[in-house]
Amino acid sequence: MGRATGAADAAQAREDAGGRATREYAEHRELLFSLVYNLLGSVADTEDVLQDTWLAWTARATDPAAPGIEHPKAYLVRIAVNRALAQQAAAGRRRETYVGPWLPEPLVGPPTDADGGPDGWSGGGGTGDVALAAERAEAVSLALLVVLETLSPLERSAFVLHEVFGYSGAEVAAVLGRSPAAVRQLVKRARAHVQERRPRYEPEPAVRRQVTERFLAATLGGDLGALLELLAPDVTLIGDGGGKAPGGQRPLTGRGKVARLLAALAGKSGGRGLEVAWRSVNGAPAVLLSAFGRPFAVLVLDLAPEGDLVRGIHAVSNPDKLRGLARPEA
């Protein structure tokens, strides 16, 4: 009888521990998703890391022989970041064979109104749900994610933790297993690198939308003169088709080259069957293009500090990065 009672008590204890572990993980999952996504730029890789984090967390949290975890949030962040660091190495190897330029997978949210805010649509799940979760935490623009790709894994981790999520140097050191002095150097190098390539400027949503509307009208109409007026002299066009959709083999830089290419593409297609929907992409107004009712590309513009010139055009058309996009109701 005593043995049976002891077994029942142990089973109940494991069940109680499992319930606490589930609640604590759920409480911090949005933070973990946003943090890991900012380190990897891929929803699929982020979900893989979160699954590994969950398994490691529950194994540790439900082990009766292990000491209690005093700070669950810090413990979960440490697991997730170090799993992401390991995932970065595998992702880097995959990108060596990637066809054409690689862009981060966009976090596409619901339709937006004229001012760049949600218009009330409550989309049907998929990528839109995780996008909304990330926006409630810390959204990093697609353009900044492109710059973060040029940092080393440790520099990127230190930068994201310190500059985006506001962790102190001591907290970053504890997460990365480095000394505070080493973390200071990582953050310093990363910050200088980012500021050199990406001056901190974020236009108002309404301004971004107005410029995007003018850009779309000029592009779909093949208006070379209007494009030349809209584009910054050093504008760069990056198209990510992954070898599965139109995207180009390399980035194209220069106002004249980009304008002529866009005007030529408009002449070939004429915009036939093309639908334009305004969506929130990584927290900023952007465009979802659909061809004959199916998502075709996500278009995000990066504006110069002057506010009305386009200095970066990011077009993601790889269908693997558009899966799960819920099509808004007409």
C-alpha atoms as a PDB file:
ATOM      1  CA  MET A   1       0.000   0.000   0.000  1.00  0.00           C
ATOM      2  CA  GLY A   2       2.783   2.419   0.963  1.00  0.00           C
ATOM      3  CA  ARG A   3       4.659   1.667  -2.259  1.00  0.00           C
ATOM      4  CA  ALA A   4       1.533   2.350  -4.347  1.00  0.00           C
ATOM      5  CA  THR A   5       0.889   5.607  -2.492  1.00  0.00           C
ATOM      6  CA  GLY A   6       4.479   6.714  -3.067  1.00  0.00           C
ATOM      7  CA  ALA A   7       4.229   5.963  -6.783  1.00  0.00           C
ATOM      8  CA  ALA A   8       0.966   7.899  -7.016  1.00  0.00           C
ATOM      9  CA  ASP A   9       2.508  10.871  -5.205  1.00  0.00           C
ATOM     10  CA  ALA A  10       5.504  10.828  -7.535  1.00  0.00           C
ATOM     11  CA  ALA A  11       3.231  10.711 -10.592  1.00  0.00           C
ATOM     12  CA  GLN A  12       1.198  13.635  -9.245  1.00  0.00           C
ATOM     13  CA  ALA A  13       4.369  15.599  -8.581  1.00  0.00           C
ATOM     14  CA  ARG A  14       5.542  15.042 -12.168  1.00  0.00           C
ATOM     15  CA  GLU A  15       2.140  16.113 -13.476  1.00  0.00           C
ATOM     16  CA  ASP A  16       2.206  19.271 -11.352  1.00  0.00           C
ATOM     17  CA  ALA A  17       5.751  20.061 -12.506  1.00  0.00           C
ATOM     18  CA  GLY A  18       4.737  19.501 -16.124  1.00  0.00           C
ATOM     19  CA  GLY A  19       1.821  21.892 -15.744  1.00  0.00           C
ATOM     20  CA  ARG A  20       4.030  24.591 -14.251  1.00  0.00           C
ATOM     21  CA  ALA A  21       6.602  24.100 -16.993  1.00  0.00           C
ATOM     22  CA  THR A  22       3.931  24.459 -19.670  1.00  0.00           C
ATOM     23  CA  ARG A  23       2.530  27.637 -18.141  1.00  0.00           C
ATOM     24  CA  GLU A  24       5.939  29.233 -17.720  1.00  0.00           C
ATOM     25  CA  TYR A  25       6.958  28.392 -21.279  1.00  0.00           C
ATOM     26  CA  ALA A  26       3.680  29.719 -22.681  1.00  0.00           C
ATOM     27  CA  GLU A  27       4.139  32.953 -20.715  1.00  0.00           C
ATOM     28  CA  HIS A  28       7.478  33.659 -22.410  1.00  0.00           C
ATOM     29  CA  ARG A  29       6.952  32.088 -25.846  1.00  0.00           C
ATOM     30  CA  GLU A  30       6.259  35.360 -27.671  1.00  0.00           C
ATOM     31  CA  LEU A  31       9.492  36.817 -26.314  1.00  0.00           C
ATOM     32  CA  LEU A  32      11.418  33.688 -27.296  1.00  0.00           C
ATOM     33  CA  PHE A  33       9.950  33.699 -30.804  1.00  0.00           C
ATOM     34  CA  SER A  34      10.789  37.358 -31.410  1.00  0.00           C
ATOM     35  CA  LEU A  35      14.287  36.976 -29.975  1.00  0.00           C
ATOM     36  CA  VAL A  36      15.180  33.862 -31.968  1.00  0.00           C
ATOM     37  CA  TYR A  37      13.620  35.180 -35.180  1.00  0.00           C
ATOM     38  CA  ASN A  38      15.772  38.304 -34.901  1.00  0.00           C
ATOM     39  CA  LEU A  39      18.810  36.023 -34.635  1.00  0.00           C
ATOM     40  CA  LEU A  40      17.892  33.738 -37.539  1.00  0.00           C
ATOM     41  CA  GLY A  41      15.558  35.625 -39.904  1.00  0.00           C
ATOM     42  CA  SER A  42      13.615  32.432 -40.614  1.00  0.00           C
ATOM     43  CA  VAL A  43      10.257  31.407 -39.189  1.00  0.00           C
ATOM     44  CA  ALA A  44      10.888  27.707 -39.881  1.00  0.00           C
ATOM     45  CA  ASP A  45      14.293  27.759 -38.158  1.00  0.00           C
ATOM     46  CA  THR A  46      12.820  29.741 -35.276  1.00  0.00           C
ATOM     47  CA  GLU A  47      10.092  27.170 -34.737  1.00  0.00           C
ATOM     48  CA  ASP A  48      12.719  24.385 -34.770  1.00  0.00           C
ATOM     49  CA  VAL A  49      14.729  26.219 -32.100  1.00  0.00           C
ATOM     50  CA  LEU A  50      11.632  26.781 -29.967  1.00  0.00           C
ATOM     51  CA  GLN A  51      10.763  23.082 -30.192  1.00  0.00           C
ATOM     52  CA  ASP A  52      14.268  22.157 -29.023  1.00  0.00           C
ATOM     53  CA  THR A  53      13.996  24.772 -26.272  1.00  0.00           C
ATOM     54  CA  TRP A  54      10.670  23.335 -25.118  1.00  0.00           C
ATOM     55  CA  LEU A  55      12.040  19.803 -24.962  1.00  0.00           C
ATOM     56  CA  ALA A  56      15.123  20.869 -23.015  1.00  0.00           C
ATOM     57  CA  TRP A  57      13.036  23.022 -20.695  1.00  0.00           C
ATOM     58  CA  THR A  58      10.456  20.358 -19.841  1.00  0.00           C
ATOM     59  CA  ALA A  59      13.138  17.703 -19.297  1.00  0.00           C
ATOM     60  CA  ARG A  60      14.914  19.987 -16.835  1.00  0.00           C
ATOM     61  CA  ALA A  61      11.814  21.430 -15.159  1.00  0.00           C
ATOM     62  CA  THR A  62      10.202  18.026 -14.537  1.00  0.00           C
ATOM     63  CA  ASP A  63      13.345  16.223 -13.341  1.00  0.00           C
ATOM     64  CA  PRO A  64      12.695  15.470  -9.647  1.00  0.00           C
ATOM     65  CA  ALA A  65      16.425  15.125  -8.974  1.00  0.00           C
ATOM     66  CA  ALA A  66      17.307  18.549 -10.413  1.00  0.00           C
ATOM     67  CA  PRO A  67      17.348  21.695  -8.253  1.00  0.00           C
ATOM     68  CA  GLY A  68      14.583  24.230  -8.815  1.00  0.00           C
ATOM     69  CA  ILE A  69      14.918  26.937 -11.486  1.00  0.00           C
ATOM     70  CA  GLU A  70      14.854  30.293  -9.740  1.00  0.00           C
ATOM     71  CA  HIS A  71      14.429  32.461 -12.853  1.00  0.00           C
ATOM     72  CA  PRO A  72      12.514  30.579 -15.596  1.00  0.00           C
ATOM     73  CA  LYS A  73      12.586  33.491 -18.080  1.00  0.00           C
ATOM     74  CA  ALA A  74      16.372  33.863 -17.906  1.00  0.00           C
ATOM     75  CA  TYR A  75      16.814  30.101 -18.159  1.00  0.00           C
ATOM     76  CA  LEU A  76      14.547  29.873 -21.236  1.00  0.00           C
ATOM     77  CA  VAL A  77      16.281  32.793 -22.954  1.00  0.00           C
ATOM     78  CA  ARG A  78      19.679  31.206 -22.361  1.00  0.00           C
ATOM     79  CA  ILE A  79      18.530  27.884 -23.846  1.00  0.00           C
ATOM     80  CA  ALA A  80      16.871  29.536 -26.856  1.00  0.00           C
ATOM     81  CA  VAL A  81      19.796  31.841 -27.707  1.00  0.00           C
ATOM     82  CA  ASN A  82      22.367  29.065 -27.509  1.00  0.00           C
ATOM     83  CA  ARG A  83      20.161  26.756 -29.605  1.00  0.00           C
ATOM     84  CA  ALA A  84      19.865  29.602 -32.119  1.00  0.00           C
ATOM     85  CA  LEU A  85      23.649  30.016 -32.214  1.00  0.00           C
ATOM     86  CA  ALA A  86      23.960  26.341 -33.093  1.00  0.00           C
ATOM     87  CA  GLN A  87      21.228  26.709 -35.740  1.00  0.00           C
ATOM     88  CA  GLN A  88      23.030  29.662 -37.329  1.00  0.00           C
ATOM     89  CA  ALA A  89      25.905  27.420 -38.353  1.00  0.00           C
ATOM     90  CA  ALA A  90      23.560  25.010 -40.153  1.00  0.00           C
ATOM     91  CA  ALA A  91      21.655  27.888 -41.758  1.00  0.00           C
ATOM     92  CA  GLY A  92      24.912  29.394 -42.991  1.00  0.00           C
ATOM     93  CA  ARG A  93      25.848  26.140 -44.712  1.00  0.00           C
ATOM     94  CA  ARG A  94      22.446  25.981 -46.439  1.00  0.00           C
ATOM     95  CA  ARG A  95      22.810  29.529 -47.731  1.00  0.00           C
ATOM     96  CA  GLU A  96      26.089  28.664 -49.428  1.00  0.00           C
ATOM     97  CA  THR A  97      24.044  26.729 -51.998  1.00  0.00           C
ATOM     98  CA  TYR A  98      21.060  29.097 -52.047  1.00  0.00           C
ATOM     99  CA  VAL A  99      20.136  30.301 -55.533  1.00  0.00           C
ATOM    100  CA  GLY A 100      20.387  34.082 -55.802  1.00  0.00           C
ATOM    101  CA  PRO A 101      20.256  36.622 -52.975  1.00  0.00           C
ATOM    102  CA  TRP A 102      18.893  35.494 -49.611  1.00  0.00           C
ATOM    103  CA  LEU A 103      16.495  37.721 -47.687  1.00  0.00           C
ATOM    104  CA  PRO A 104      14.983  37.099 -44.251  1.00  0.00           C
ATOM    105  CA  GLU A 105      11.576  35.464 -44.204  1.00  0.00           C
ATOM    106  CA  PRO A 106       9.072  38.309 -43.785  1.00  0.00           C
ATOM    107  CA  LEU A 107       6.700  38.370 -40.828  1.00  0.00           C
ATOM    108  CA  VAL A 108       3.488  39.315 -42.586  1.00  0.00           C
ATOM    109  CA  GLY A 109       0.685  40.653 -40.431  1.00  0.00           C
ATOM    110  CA  PRO A 110      -2.904  41.674 -41.206  1.00  0.00           C
ATOM    111  CA  PRO A 111      -4.019  44.283 -43.745  1.00  0.00           C
ATOM    112  CA  THR A 112      -3.318  47.902 -42.812  1.00  0.00           C
ATOM    113  CA  ASP A 113      -5.362  51.060 -43.235  1.00  0.00           C
ATOM    114  CA  ALA A 114      -4.241  54.258 -44.915  1.00  0.00           C
ATOM    115  CA  ASP A 115      -2.155  55.296 -41.899  1.00  0.00           C
ATOM    116  CA  GLY A 116      -0.320  51.980 -41.694  1.00  0.00           C
ATOM    117  CA  GLY A 117      -2.308  50.503 -38.799  1.00  0.00           C
ATOM    118  CA  PRO A 118      -4.414  47.310 -38.710  1.00  0.00           C
ATOM    119  CA  ASP A 119      -7.768  47.714 -40.442  1.00  0.00           C
ATOM    120  CA  GLY A 120      -9.645  45.284 -38.252  1.00  0.00           C
ATOM    121  CA  TRP A 121      -9.203  42.093 -40.284  1.00  0.00           C
ATOM    122  CA  SER A 122      -8.710  39.086 -38.006  1.00  0.00           C
ATOM    123  CA  GLY A 123      -6.876  36.801 -40.407  1.00  0.00           C
ATOM    124  CA  GLY A 124      -7.025  33.047 -40.469  1.00  0.00           C
ATOM    125  CA  GLY A 125      -3.811  31.979 -38.739  1.00  0.00           C
ATOM    126  CA  GLY A 126      -0.526  30.802 -40.213  1.00  0.00           C
ATOM    127  CA  THR A 127       2.344  33.218 -40.516  1.00  0.00           C
ATOM    128  CA  GLY A 128       0.089  36.167 -39.656  1.00  0.00           C
ATOM    129  CA  ASP A 129      -0.343  34.916 -36.101  1.00  0.00           C
ATOM    130  CA  VAL A 130       3.367  34.685 -35.377  1.00  0.00           C
ATOM    131  CA  ALA A 131       3.835  38.088 -36.995  1.00  0.00           C
ATOM    132  CA  LEU A 132       1.367  39.646 -34.595  1.00  0.00           C
ATOM    133  CA  ALA A 133       3.088  37.940 -31.672  1.00  0.00           C
ATOM    134  CA  ALA A 134       6.459  39.346 -32.735  1.00  0.00           C
ATOM    135  CA  GLU A 135       5.023  42.835 -33.147  1.00  0.00           C
ATOM    136  CA  ARG A 136       3.755  42.730 -29.582  1.00  0.00           C
ATOM    137  CA  ALA A 137       7.349  42.085 -28.497  1.00  0.00           C
ATOM    138  CA  GLU A 138      10.136  43.686 -30.582  1.00  0.00           C
ATOM    139  CA  ALA A 139       9.790  44.020 -34.337  1.00  0.00           C
ATOM    140  CA  VAL A 140      12.983  44.518 -36.346  1.00  0.00           C
ATOM    141  CA  SER A 141      12.661  45.859 -39.874  1.00  0.00           C
ATOM    142  CA  LEU A 142      13.517  43.679 -42.836  1.00  0.00           C
ATOM    143  CA  ALA A 143      16.253  46.132 -43.839  1.00  0.00           C
ATOM    144  CA  LEU A 144      17.901  45.907 -40.413  1.00  0.00           C
ATOM    145  CA  LEU A 145      17.695  42.113 -40.503  1.00  0.00           C
ATOM    146  CA  VAL A 146      19.614  42.213 -43.787  1.00  0.00           C
ATOM    147  CA  VAL A 147      22.376  44.207 -42.057  1.00  0.00           C
ATOM    148  CA  LEU A 148      22.385  41.833 -39.075  1.00  0.00           C
ATOM    149  CA  GLU A 149      23.161  38.999 -41.499  1.00  0.00           C
ATOM    150  CA  THR A 150      26.622  40.530 -41.976  1.00  0.00           C
ATOM    151  CA  LEU A 151      27.526  40.239 -38.270  1.00  0.00           C
ATOM    152  CA  SER A 152      29.177  37.234 -36.692  1.00  0.00           C
ATOM    153  CA  PRO A 153      26.761  34.993 -34.730  1.00  0.00           C
ATOM    154  CA  LEU A 154      28.082  36.237 -31.380  1.00  0.00           C
ATOM    155  CA  GLU A 155      28.017  39.889 -32.457  1.00  0.00           C
ATOM    156  CA  ARG A 156      24.464  39.503 -33.682  1.00  0.00           C
ATOM    157  CA  SER A 157      23.344  37.808 -30.477  1.00  0.00           C
ATOM    158  CA  ALA A 158      24.963  40.471 -28.307  1.00  0.00           C
ATOM    159  CA  PHE A 159      23.500  43.277 -30.430  1.00  0.00           C
ATOM    160  CA  VAL A 160      19.967  41.861 -30.453  1.00  0.00           C
ATOM    161  CA  LEU A 161      19.952  41.151 -26.717  1.00  0.00           C
ATOM    162  CA  HIS A 162      21.474  44.503 -25.731  1.00  0.00           C
ATOM    163  CA  GLU A 163      20.269  46.971 -28.369  1.00  0.00           C
ATOM    164  CA  VAL A 164      16.872  45.510 -29.309  1.00  0.00           C
ATOM    165  CA  PHE A 165      15.691  43.832 -26.117  1.00  0.00           C
ATOM    166  CA  GLY A 166      17.482  46.059 -23.613  1.00  0.00           C
ATOM    167  CA  TYR A 167      19.421  43.391 -21.706  1.00  0.00           C
ATOM    168  CA  SER A 168      22.261  44.744 -19.592  1.00  0.00           C
ATOM    169  CA  GLY A 169      25.853  43.810 -20.331  1.00  0.00           C
ATOM    170  CA  ALA A 170      25.922  41.474 -17.330  1.00  0.00           C
ATOM    171  CA  GLU A 171      22.702  39.776 -18.464  1.00  0.00           C
ATOM    172  CA  VAL A 172      24.046  39.322 -22.012  1.00  0.00           C
ATOM    173  CA  ALA A 173      27.252  37.876 -20.594  1.00  0.00           C
ATOM    174  CA  ALA A 174      25.262  35.342 -18.566  1.00  0.00           C
ATOM    175  CA  VAL A 175      23.221  34.304 -21.621  1.00  0.00           C
ATOM    176  CA  LEU A 176      26.229  33.935 -23.929  1.00  0.00           C
ATOM    177  CA  GLY A 177      28.635  32.541 -21.354  1.00  0.00           C
ATOM    178  CA  ARG A 178      31.143  35.345 -21.993  1.00  0.00           C
ATOM    179  CA  SER A 179      32.748  37.901 -19.703  1.00  0.00           C
ATOM    180  CA  PRO A 180      31.162  41.374 -19.431  1.00  0.00           C
ATOM    181  CA  ALA A 181      34.302  42.851 -21.008  1.00  0.00           C
ATOM    182  CA  ALA A 182      33.992  40.518 -24.004  1.00  0.00           C
ATOM    183  CA  VAL A 183      30.313  41.401 -24.370  1.00  0.00           C
ATOM    184  CA  ARG A 184      31.114  45.121 -24.346  1.00  0.00           C
ATOM    185  CA  GLN A 185      33.493  44.592 -27.253  1.00  0.00           C
ATOM    186  CA  LEU A 186      30.943  42.481 -29.140  1.00  0.00           C
ATOM    187  CA  VAL A 187      28.254  45.144 -28.732  1.00  0.00           C
ATOM    188  CA  LYS A 188      30.645  47.956 -29.643  1.00  0.00           C
ATOM    189  CA  ARG A 189      31.746  46.250 -32.878  1.00  0.00           C
ATOM    190  CA  ALA A 190      28.205  45.270 -33.810  1.00  0.00           C
ATOM    191  CA  ARG A 191      26.806  48.737 -33.116  1.00  0.00           C
ATOM    192  CA  ALA A 192      29.489  50.425 -35.235  1.00  0.00           C
ATOM    193  CA  HIS A 193      28.924  47.923 -38.050  1.00  0.00           C
ATOM    194  CA  VAL A 194      25.153  48.445 -38.021  1.00  0.00           C
ATOM    195  CA  GLN A 195      25.357  52.247 -37.822  1.00  0.00           C
ATOM    196  CA  GLU A 196      27.795  52.330 -40.726  1.00  0.00           C
ATOM    197  CA  ARG A 197      25.451  50.335 -42.946  1.00  0.00           C
ATOM    198  CA  ARG A 198      22.102  51.302 -41.503  1.00  0.00           C
ATOM    199  CA  PRO A 199      21.709  54.836 -40.058  1.00  0.00           C
ATOM    200  CA  ARG A 200      18.911  54.806 -37.534  1.00  0.00           C
ATOM    201  CA  TYR A 201      15.948  56.267 -39.389  1.00  0.00           C
ATOM    202  CA  GLU A 202      12.415  54.972 -39.474  1.00  0.00           C
ATOM    203  CA  PRO A 203       9.836  56.962 -41.461  1.00  0.00           C
ATOM    204  CA  GLU A 204       6.294  57.462 -40.286  1.00  0.00           C
ATOM    205  CA  PRO A 205       3.968  54.669 -41.501  1.00  0.00           C
ATOM    206  CA  ALA A 206       1.883  57.151 -43.511  1.00  0.00           C
ATOM    207  CA  VAL A 207       5.011  58.455 -45.294  1.00  0.00           C
ATOM    208  CA  ARG A 208       6.190  54.926 -46.071  1.00  0.00           C
ATOM    209  CA  ARG A 209       2.784  54.062 -47.499  1.00  0.00           C
ATOM    210  CA  GLN A 210       2.596  57.211 -49.645  1.00  0.00           C
ATOM    211  CA  VAL A 211       6.019  56.570 -51.136  1.00  0.00           C
ATOM    212  CA  THR A 212       5.177  52.904 -51.704  1.00  0.00           C
ATOM    213  CA  GLU A 213       1.965  53.867 -53.505  1.00  0.00           C
ATOM    214  CA  ARG A 214       3.873  56.195 -55.823  1.00  0.00           C
ATOM    215  CA  PHE A 215       6.522  53.520 -56.379  1.00  0.00           C
ATOM    216  CA  LEU A 216       3.908  50.893 -57.271  1.00  0.00           C
ATOM    217  CA  ALA A 217       2.092  53.226 -59.654  1.00  0.00           C
ATOM    218  CA  ALA A 218       5.340  54.071 -61.435  1.00  0.00           C
ATOM    219  CA  THR A 219       6.529  50.462 -61.519  1.00  0.00           C
ATOM    220  CA  LEU A 220       3.278  48.865 -62.696  1.00  0.00           C
ATOM    221  CA  GLY A 221       2.835  51.664 -65.226  1.00  0.00           C
ATOM    222  CA  GLY A 222       6.378  51.340 -66.536  1.00  0.00           C
ATOM    223  CA  ASP A 223       6.913  55.087 -65.931  1.00  0.00           C
ATOM    224  CA  LEU A 224      10.687  55.450 -66.192  1.00  0.00           C
ATOM    225  CA  GLY A 225      10.652  59.182 -65.425  1.00  0.00           C
ATOM    226  CA  ALA A 226       8.641  58.754 -62.235  1.00  0.00           C
ATOM    227  CA  LEU A 227      10.914  55.923 -61.110  1.00  0.00           C
ATOM    228  CA  LEU A 228      14.016  58.050 -61.637  1.00  0.00           C
ATOM    229  CA  GLU A 229      12.447  60.754 -59.451  1.00  0.00           C
ATOM    230  CA  LEU A 230      11.568  58.272 -56.679  1.00  0.00           C
ATOM    231  CA  LEU A 231      14.794  56.291 -56.457  1.00  0.00           C
ATOM    232  CA  ALA A 232      17.857  57.397 -54.499  1.00  0.00           C
ATOM    233  CA  PRO A 233      21.108  57.483 -56.506  1.00  0.00           C
ATOM    234  CA  ASP A 234      22.502  54.471 -54.606  1.00  0.00           C
ATOM    235  CA  VAL A 235      19.259  52.477 -54.506  1.00  0.00           C
ATOM    236  CA  THR A 236      19.681  48.689 -54.293  1.00  0.00           C
ATOM    237  CA  LEU A 237      17.144  46.140 -55.517  1.00  0.00           C
ATOM    238  CA  ILE A 238      17.311  42.704 -53.865  1.00  0.00           C
ATOM    239  CA  GLY A 239      14.993  39.981 -55.123  1.00  0.00           C
ATOM    240  CA  ASP A 240      14.794  36.645 -53.302  1.00  0.00           C
ATOM    241  CA  GLY A 241      13.194  33.971 -55.445  1.00  0.00           C
ATOM    242  CA  GLY A 242      15.338  31.108 -54.166  1.00  0.00           C
ATOM    243  CA  GLY A 243      15.521  29.676 -57.691  1.00  0.00           C
ATOM    244  CA  LYS A 244      11.797  28.909 -57.475  1.00  0.00           C
ATOM    245  CA  ALA A 245      10.385  32.296 -58.550  1.00  0.00           C
ATOM    246  CA  PRO A 246      11.645  35.439 -60.309  1.00  0.00           C
ATOM    247  CA  GLY A 247      14.212  37.188 -58.163  1.00  0.00           C
ATOM    248  CA  GLY A 248      17.484  37.785 -59.965  1.00  0.00           C
ATOM    249  CA  GLN A 249      20.919  36.273 -59.471  1.00  0.00           C
ATOM    250  CA  ARG A 250      22.453  39.179 -57.557  1.00  0.00           C
ATOM    251  CA  PRO A 251      21.515  42.569 -56.070  1.00  0.00           C
ATOM    252  CA  LEU A 252      21.262  45.465 -58.519  1.00  0.00           C
ATOM    253  CA  THR A 253      22.551  48.898 -57.460  1.00  0.00           C
ATOM    254  CA  GLY A 254      22.155  52.308 -59.079  1.00  0.00           C
ATOM    255  CA  ARG A 255      19.168  54.511 -59.909  1.00  0.00           C
ATOM    256  CA  GLY A 256      19.371  54.119 -63.673  1.00  0.00           C
ATOM    257  CA  LYS A 257      19.891  50.359 -63.679  1.00  0.00           C
ATOM    258  CA  VAL A 258      17.081  49.677 -61.214  1.00  0.00           C
ATOM    259  CA  ALA A 259      14.614  52.047 -62.904  1.00  0.00           C
ATOM    260  CA  ARG A 260      15.237  50.587 -66.359  1.00  0.00           C
ATOM    261  CA  LEU A 261      14.843  47.021 -65.076  1.00  0.00           C
ATOM    262  CA  LEU A 262      11.558  47.801 -63.297  1.00  0.00           C
ATOM    263  CA  ALA A 263      10.175  49.636 -66.335  1.00  0.00           C
ATOM    264  CA  ALA A 264      11.160  46.734 -68.595  1.00  0.00           C
ATOM    265  CA  LEU A 265       9.491  44.185 -66.304  1.00  0.00           C
ATOM    266  CA  ALA A 266       6.284  46.228 -66.329  1.00  0.00           C
ATOM    267  CA  GLY A 267       6.333  46.234 -70.115  1.00  0.00           C
ATOM    268  CA  LYS A 268       6.488  42.440 -70.167  1.00  0.00           C
ATOM    269  CA  SER A 269       3.739  41.714 -67.640  1.00  0.00           C
ATOM    270  CA  GLY A 270       1.571  44.805 -67.705  1.00  0.00           C
ATOM    271  CA  GLY A 271       0.398  43.923 -64.199  1.00  0.00           C
ATOM    272  CA  ARG A 272      -2.145  41.458 -65.567  1.00  0.00           C
ATOM    273  CA  GLY A 273      -3.875  39.436 -62.857  1.00  0.00           C
ATOM    274  CA  LEU A 274      -1.953  41.284 -60.147  1.00  0.00           C
ATOM    275  CA  GLU A 275      -3.649  42.149 -56.847  1.00  0.00           C
ATOM    276  CA  VAL A 276      -2.172  44.569 -54.302  1.00  0.00           C
ATOM    277  CA  ALA A 277      -2.873  44.281 -50.555  1.00  0.00           C
ATOM    278  CA  TRP A 278      -1.411  46.463 -47.813  1.00  0.00           C
ATOM    279  CA  ARG A 279       0.020  44.433 -44.970  1.00  0.00           C
ATOM    280  CA  SER A 280       2.228  44.926 -41.944  1.00  0.00           C
ATOM    281  CA  VAL A 281       5.636  43.345 -42.590  1.00  0.00           C
ATOM    282  CA  ASN A 282       8.048  43.217 -39.647  1.00  0.00           C
ATOM    283  CA  GLY A 283       6.077  46.012 -38.025  1.00  0.00           C
ATOM    284  CA  ALA A 284       6.028  48.389 -41.020  1.00  0.00           C
ATOM    285  CA  PRO A 285       3.537  48.994 -43.865  1.00  0.00           C
ATOM    286  CA  ALA A 286       4.388  46.974 -46.960  1.00  0.00           C
ATOM    287  CA  VAL A 287       2.731  45.303 -49.934  1.00  0.00           C
ATOM    288  CA  LEU A 288       1.624  41.745 -50.556  1.00  0.00           C
ATOM    289  CA  LEU A 289       1.355  41.076 -54.283  1.00  0.00           C
ATOM    290  CA  SER A 290      -0.885  38.232 -55.426  1.00  0.00           C
ATOM    291  CA  ALA A 291      -1.046  36.869 -58.951  1.00  0.00           C
ATOM    292  CA  PHE A 292      -4.387  35.370 -59.959  1.00  0.00           C
ATOM    293  CA  GLY A 293      -5.382  34.993 -56.311  1.00  0.00           C
ATOM    294  CA  ARG A 294      -2.163  33.400 -55.019  1.00  0.00           C
ATOM    295  CA  PRO A 295       0.564  35.203 -53.001  1.00  0.00           C
ATOM    296  CA  PHE A 296       3.362  36.085 -55.391  1.00  0.00           C
ATOM    297  CA  ALA A 297       5.710  38.420 -53.517  1.00  0.00           C
ATOM    298  CA  VAL A 298       6.154  40.622 -50.477  1.00  0.00           C
ATOM    299  CA  LEU A 299       7.544  44.064 -51.298  1.00  0.00           C
ATOM    300  CA  VAL A 300       9.254  46.196 -48.635  1.00  0.00           C
ATOM    301  CA  LEU A 301      10.828  49.577 -49.357  1.00  0.00           C
ATOM    302  CA  ASP A 302      13.654  51.133 -47.361  1.00  0.00           C
ATOM    303  CA  LEU A 303      13.559  54.925 -47.424  1.00  0.00           C
ATOM    304  CA  ALA A 304      16.418  57.417 -47.265  1.00  0.00           C
ATOM    305  CA  PRO A 305      16.523  59.830 -44.296  1.00  0.00           C
ATOM    306  CA  GLU A 306      15.068  62.519 -46.564  1.00  0.00           C
ATOM    307  CA  GLY A 307      11.890  60.425 -46.347  1.00  0.00           C
ATOM    308  CA  ASP A 308      10.700  60.475 -49.950  1.00  0.00           C
ATOM    309  CA  LEU A 309      13.471  58.631 -51.812  1.00  0.00           C
ATOM    310  CA  VAL A 310      13.687  54.855 -52.053  1.00  0.00           C
ATOM    311  CA  ARG A 311      17.140  53.539 -51.191  1.00  0.00           C
ATOM    312  CA  GLY A 312      16.298  49.853 -50.819  1.00  0.00           C
ATOM    313  CA  ILE A 313      13.803  47.540 -52.537  1.00  0.00           C
ATOM    314  CA  HIS A 314      13.369  44.117 -50.949  1.00  0.00           C
ATOM    315  CA  ALA A 315      11.177  41.674 -52.863  1.00  0.00           C
ATOM    316  CA  VAL A 316      10.617  38.191 -51.425  1.00  0.00           C
ATOM    317  CA  SER A 317       9.018  35.834 -53.956  1.00  0.00           C
ATOM    318  CA  ASN A 318      10.415  32.469 -52.832  1.00  0.00           C
ATOM    319  CA  PRO A 319       7.193  30.464 -52.312  1.00  0.00           C
ATOM    320  CA  ASP A 320       8.762  28.656 -49.334  1.00  0.00           C
ATOM    321  CA  LYS A 321       8.857  32.006 -47.519  1.00  0.00           C
ATOM    322  CA  LEU A 322       5.262  32.860 -48.418  1.00  0.00           C
ATOM    323  CA  ARG A 323       3.646  29.660 -47.183  1.00  0.00           C
ATOM    324  CA  GLY A 324       0.967  30.120 -44.580  1.00  0.00           C
ATOM    325  CA  LEU A 325       0.001  33.602 -45.722  1.00  0.00           C
ATOM    326  CA  ALA A 326      -3.710  33.960 -45.128  1.00  0.00           C
ATOM    327  CA  ARG A 327      -5.404  35.728 -48.011  1.00  0.00           C
ATOM    328  CA  PRO A 328      -7.613  38.539 -46.693  1.00  0.00           C
ATOM    329  CA  GLU A 329     -11.259  38.411 -47.505  1.00  0.00           C
ATOM    330  CA  ALA A 330     -12.427  40.665 -50.269  1.00  0.00           C
END
